[in-house]
Amino acid sequence: MILEVGDWIIKKASLQVTKWGEEGYPEHYVTVNGSVKNFSMSHSSRGYMISCKATPDSLVVEITEFVVVENSKKALQIVTRLNDLVISTALEDFGTGYSSLANLTHLPFQ
């Protein structure tokens, strides 16, 4: 169910930032802690954002340190893909695992 829940969260977050924009608060964004599976599958979060009329810079996707340590090549692909879509990325839970700051410098997190 992780894909369905993740999709629902992305859609709800996109709807919320769109609503804030319509209410006159255009500078708001939402940080989403989604599953890497939601961002590595053929469908993308951008589709939900477009359908909700949210701008790409209104969503920040957090990726956990564990995912980066577990598969850094896959993490690089996902972060790069999101950056190409103008969706900001952030690292969550840094320091709770075994990665080093040197390893993380290869990933283009904002």
Protein backbone atom coordinates (compact mmCIF):
# COMPACT_ATOMS: atom_id res chain seq x y z
CA MET A 1 0.00 0.00 0.00
CA ILE A 2 3.03 2.30 0.19
CA LEU A 3 2.50 3.46 -3.40
CA GLU A 4 -1.17 4.28 -2.86
CA VAL A 5 -0.50 6.11 0.42
CA GLY A 6 2.44 8.00 -1.08
CA ASP A 7 0.38 9.04 -4.10
CA TRP A 8 -2.42 10.22 -1.81
CA ILE A 9 0.03 12.29 0.27
CA ILE A 10 1.57 13.90 -2.82
CA LYS A 11 -1.86 14.73 -4.20
CA LYS A 12 -3.09 16.19 -0.89
CA ALA A 13 0.09 18.24 -0.47
CA SER A 14 -0.29 19.58 -4.02
CA LEU A 15 -3.92 20.48 -3.40
CA GLN A 16 -3.02 22.28 -0.16
CA VAL A 17 -0.30 24.50 -1.64
CA THR A 18 -2.62 25.32 -4.55
CA LYS A 19 -5.32 26.32 -2.06
CA TRP A 20 -2.87 28.52 -0.14
CA GLY A 21 -1.87 30.20 -3.40
CA GLU A 22 -5.51 30.89 -4.26
CA GLU A 23 -5.99 32.37 -0.78
CA GLY A 24 -3.17 34.83 -1.40
CA TYR A 25 -0.25 32.94 0.17
CA PRO A 26 1.90 32.15 -2.88
CA GLU A 27 5.20 31.60 -1.08
CA HIS A 28 4.17 28.44 0.79
CA TYR A 29 5.54 24.99 0.10
CA VAL A 30 5.06 21.55 1.59
CA THR A 31 7.75 19.05 2.49
CA VAL A 32 6.76 15.47 1.69
CA ASN A 33 8.45 12.43 3.14
CA GLY A 34 7.51 10.02 0.40
CA SER A 35 8.65 6.55 -0.45
CA VAL A 36 11.41 6.32 -3.00
CA LYS A 37 9.12 3.91 -4.84
CA ASN A 38 6.70 6.76 -5.52
CA PHE A 39 9.43 8.71 -7.26
CA SER A 40 11.15 5.86 -9.07
CA MET A 41 8.08 4.36 -10.74
CA SER A 42 6.86 5.32 -14.21
CA HIS A 43 4.26 7.72 -12.81
CA SER A 44 5.55 10.91 -11.26
CA SER A 45 4.60 13.35 -8.59
CA ARG A 46 4.57 16.03 -11.28
CA GLY A 47 1.39 14.51 -12.74
CA TYR A 48 -0.43 15.07 -9.46
CA MET A 49 0.97 18.55 -9.15
CA ILE A 50 -0.15 19.50 -12.66
CA SER A 51 -3.65 18.13 -12.07
CA CYS A 52 -3.85 20.18 -8.87
CA LYS A 53 -2.31 23.27 -10.55
CA ALA A 54 0.56 23.31 -8.06
CA THR A 55 3.92 24.70 -9.11
CA PRO A 56 6.94 22.38 -8.94
CA ASP A 57 8.72 24.62 -6.45
CA SER A 58 5.83 24.25 -4.02
CA LEU A 59 6.86 20.69 -3.14
CA VAL A 60 10.04 19.51 -1.38
CA VAL A 61 10.69 15.77 -1.34
CA GLU A 62 12.63 14.35 1.59
CA ILE A 63 14.68 11.20 1.05
CA THR A 64 15.93 9.34 4.09
CA GLU A 65 19.59 8.76 4.77
CA PHE A 66 18.92 5.01 4.85
CA VAL A 67 17.85 5.03 1.19
CA VAL A 68 20.99 6.91 0.21
CA VAL A 69 23.22 4.46 2.08
CA GLU A 70 21.32 1.43 0.81
CA ASN A 71 21.49 2.37 -2.89
CA SER A 72 23.38 5.56 -3.64
CA LYS A 73 23.19 5.04 -7.42
CA LYS A 74 19.37 4.83 -7.30
CA ALA A 75 19.21 7.80 -4.92
CA LEU A 76 21.29 9.87 -7.35
CA GLN A 77 18.94 8.99 -10.22
CA ILE A 78 15.86 9.94 -8.20
CA VAL A 79 17.27 13.20 -6.83
CA THR A 80 18.49 14.21 -10.28
CA ARG A 81 15.11 13.39 -11.84
CA LEU A 82 13.25 15.45 -9.24
CA ASN A 83 15.68 18.33 -9.67
CA ASP A 84 15.11 18.18 -13.44
CA LEU A 85 11.38 18.58 -12.71
CA VAL A 86 12.23 21.63 -10.54
CA ILE A 87 11.10 19.74 -7.45
CA SER A 88 13.38 20.45 -4.52
CA THR A 89 14.93 17.61 -2.58
CA ALA A 90 16.18 17.33 0.97
CA LEU A 91 17.95 14.72 3.06
CA GLU A 92 16.04 13.44 6.05
CA ASP A 93 17.48 11.81 9.18
CA PHE A 94 21.12 12.61 8.42
CA GLY A 95 23.34 11.36 11.19
CA THR A 96 21.09 8.50 12.23
CA GLY A 97 22.81 5.99 9.96
CA TYR A 98 26.22 5.21 8.62
CA SER A 99 26.71 7.65 5.77
CA SER A 100 29.45 10.23 5.81
CA LEU A 101 29.21 13.82 4.72
CA ALA A 102 31.77 13.06 1.99
CA ASN A 103 29.43 10.45 0.46
CA LEU A 104 26.53 12.87 0.46
CA THR A 105 28.39 15.59 -1.45
CA HIS A 106 27.83 13.56 -4.63
CA LEU A 107 24.05 14.00 -4.37
CA PRO A 108 22.47 17.27 -5.57
CA PHE A 109 20.18 17.92 -2.59
CA GLN A 110 19.08 21.52 -2.11
